[in-house]
C-alpha atoms as a PDB file:
ATOM      1  CA  UNK A   1    -114.319 118.228 -88.638  1.00  0.00           C
ATOM      2  CA  UNK A   2    -111.130 118.956 -90.532  1.00  0.00           C
ATOM      3  CA  UNK A   3    -108.503 121.330 -89.683  1.00  0.00           C
ATOM      4  CA  UNK A   4    -108.067 124.397 -92.145  1.00  0.00           C
ATOM      5  CA  UNK A   5    -104.503 123.189 -92.762  1.00  0.00           C
ATOM      6  CA  UNK A   6    -105.681 119.714 -94.008  1.00  0.00           C
ATOM      7  CA  UNK A   7    -106.715 119.552 -97.711  1.00  0.00           C
ATOM      8  CA  UNK A   8    -109.245 116.940 -98.852  1.00  0.00           C
ATOM      9  CA  UNK A   9    -107.708 113.904-100.741  1.00  0.00           C
ATOM     10  CA  UNK A  10    -109.390 114.850-104.012  1.00  0.00           C
ATOM     11  CA  UNK A  11    -107.895 118.225-104.044  1.00  0.00           C
ATOM     12  CA  UNK A  12    -104.371 116.887-103.170  1.00  0.00           C
ATOM     13  CA  UNK A  13    -104.754 114.304-106.042  1.00  0.00           C
ATOM     14  CA  UNK A  14    -105.699 117.103-108.514  1.00  0.00           C
ATOM     15  CA  UNK A  15    -102.779 119.307-107.333  1.00  0.00           C
ATOM     16  CA  UNK A  16    -100.359 116.307-107.768  1.00  0.00           C
ATOM     17  CA  UNK A  17    -101.557 115.602-111.241  1.00  0.00           C
ATOM     18  CA  UNK A  18    -101.321 119.272-112.201  1.00  0.00           C
ATOM     19  CA  UNK A  19     -97.899 119.862-110.646  1.00  0.00           C
ATOM     20  CA  UNK A  20     -96.461 116.810-112.504  1.00  0.00           C
ATOM     21  CA  UNK A  21     -98.059 117.742-115.812  1.00  0.00           C
ATOM     22  CA  UNK A  22    -100.104 114.597-115.863  1.00  0.00           C
ATOM     23  CA  UNK A  23    -103.455 116.007-116.866  1.00  0.00           C
ATOM     24  CA  UNK A  24    -102.103 117.644-120.090  1.00  0.00           C
ATOM     25  CA  UNK A  25    -100.933 116.146-123.326  1.00  0.00           C
ATOM     26  CA  UNK A  26     -97.186 115.165-123.611  1.00  0.00           C
ATOM     27  CA  UNK A  27     -95.028 118.238-123.444  1.00  0.00           C
ATOM     28  CA  UNK A  28     -93.388 118.117-126.811  1.00  0.00           C
ATOM     29  CA  UNK A  29     -90.171 116.777-128.300  1.00  0.00           C
ATOM     30  CA  UNK A  30     -87.382 118.879-126.689  1.00  0.00           C
ATOM     31  CA  UNK A  31     -85.977 117.317-123.431  1.00  0.00           C
ATOM     32  CA  UNK A  32     -84.625 120.684-122.193  1.00  0.00           C
ATOM     33  CA  UNK A  33     -88.075 122.291-122.458  1.00  0.00           C
ATOM     34  CA  UNK A  34     -89.720 119.217-120.740  1.00  0.00           C
ATOM     35  CA  UNK A  35     -87.244 119.529-117.799  1.00  0.00           C
ATOM     36  CA  UNK A  36     -87.844 123.299-117.577  1.00  0.00           C
ATOM     37  CA  UNK A  37     -91.632 122.848-117.429  1.00  0.00           C
ATOM     38  CA  UNK A  38     -91.431 120.063-114.853  1.00  0.00           C
ATOM     39  CA  UNK A  39     -88.742 121.900-112.797  1.00  0.00           C
ATOM     40  CA  UNK A  40     -87.221 118.672-111.534  1.00  0.00           C
ATOM     41  CA  UNK A  41     -87.057 114.960-112.076  1.00  0.00           C
ATOM     42  CA  UNK A  42     -85.537 112.768-109.320  1.00  0.00           C
ATOM     43  CA  UNK A  43     -82.737 110.784-110.914  1.00  0.00           C
ATOM     44  CA  UNK A  44     -83.250 107.165-109.764  1.00  0.00           C
ATOM     45  CA  UNK A  45     -80.297 104.744-109.672  1.00  0.00           C
ATOM     46  CA  UNK A  46     -82.359 101.662-109.346  1.00  0.00           C
ATOM     47  CA  UNK A  47     -82.905  99.931-112.694  1.00  0.00           C
ATOM     48  CA  UNK A  48     -85.536  97.136-112.718  1.00  0.00           C
ATOM     49  CA  UNK A  49     -87.881  97.582-115.694  1.00  0.00           C
ATOM     50  CA  UNK A  50     -86.534 101.114-116.466  1.00  0.00           C
ATOM     51  CA  UNK A  51     -85.141 103.870-114.354  1.00  0.00           C
ATOM     52  CA  UNK A  52     -88.008 105.912-112.721  1.00  0.00           C
ATOM     53  CA  UNK A  53     -86.781 109.222-114.158  1.00  0.00           C
ATOM     54  CA  UNK A  54     -86.727 107.699-117.721  1.00  0.00           C
ATOM     55  CA  UNK A  55     -90.379 106.507-117.217  1.00  0.00           C
ATOM     56  CA  UNK A  56     -91.373 109.955-115.916  1.00  0.00           C
ATOM     57  CA  UNK A  57     -89.802 111.766-118.845  1.00  0.00           C
ATOM     58  CA  UNK A  58     -91.101 109.335-121.463  1.00  0.00           C
ATOM     59  CA  UNK A  59     -94.631 109.686-120.056  1.00  0.00           C
ATOM     60  CA  UNK A  60     -94.377 113.424-120.662  1.00  0.00           C
ATOM     61  CA  UNK A  61     -92.488 113.263-123.914  1.00  0.00           C
ATOM     62  CA  UNK A  62     -92.918 110.108-125.976  1.00  0.00           C
ATOM     63  CA  UNK A  63     -89.831 110.847-128.147  1.00  0.00           C
ATOM     64  CA  UNK A  64     -87.602 110.863-125.013  1.00  0.00           C
ATOM     65  CA  UNK A  65     -84.644 108.457-125.073  1.00  0.00           C
ATOM     66  CA  UNK A  66     -82.363 107.949-122.019  1.00  0.00           C
ATOM     67  CA  UNK A  67     -79.088 108.847-123.767  1.00  0.00           C
ATOM     68  CA  UNK A  68     -80.489 112.402-124.311  1.00  0.00           C
ATOM     69  CA  UNK A  69     -80.733 112.968-120.427  1.00  0.00           C
ATOM     70  CA  UNK A  70     -77.260 111.408-119.926  1.00  0.00           C
ATOM     71  CA  UNK A  71     -75.844 113.930-122.570  1.00  0.00           C
ATOM     72  CA  UNK A  72     -77.540 116.784-120.878  1.00  0.00           C
ATOM     73  CA  UNK A  73     -76.257 115.729-117.411  1.00  0.00           C
ATOM     74  CA  UNK A  74     -72.783 114.510-118.263  1.00  0.00           C
ATOM     75  CA  UNK A  75     -71.693 116.585-121.138  1.00  0.00           C
ATOM     76  CA  UNK A  76     -73.535 119.870-121.740  1.00  0.00           C
ATOM     77  CA  UNK A  77     -74.525 120.370-118.008  1.00  0.00           C
ATOM     78  CA  UNK A  78     -77.937 121.606-119.115  1.00  0.00           C
ATOM     79  CA  UNK A  79     -79.456 119.355-116.460  1.00  0.00           C
ATOM     80  CA  UNK A  80     -77.625 118.282-113.317  1.00  0.00           C
ATOM     81  CA  UNK A  81     -77.957 115.939-110.367  1.00  0.00           C
ATOM     82  CA  UNK A  82     -77.809 117.588-107.048  1.00  0.00           C
END
């Protein structure tokens, strides 16, 4: 018997996919709008194949290029690292 506070794995998986916009087509071509719809992306400082946040943003917006996020974080302050 499961506690009412515990969700089934299938429901949790669906929620995760929905929350991260992974069951919808890519979000468009504007990085600021992609970030707004996602609400957050964890900026990852480890760079092996590619930085994790670059992979996340590219998977939601295929026109994404890493310098666009750097510009938003470093120069225009439209996005920021907390």
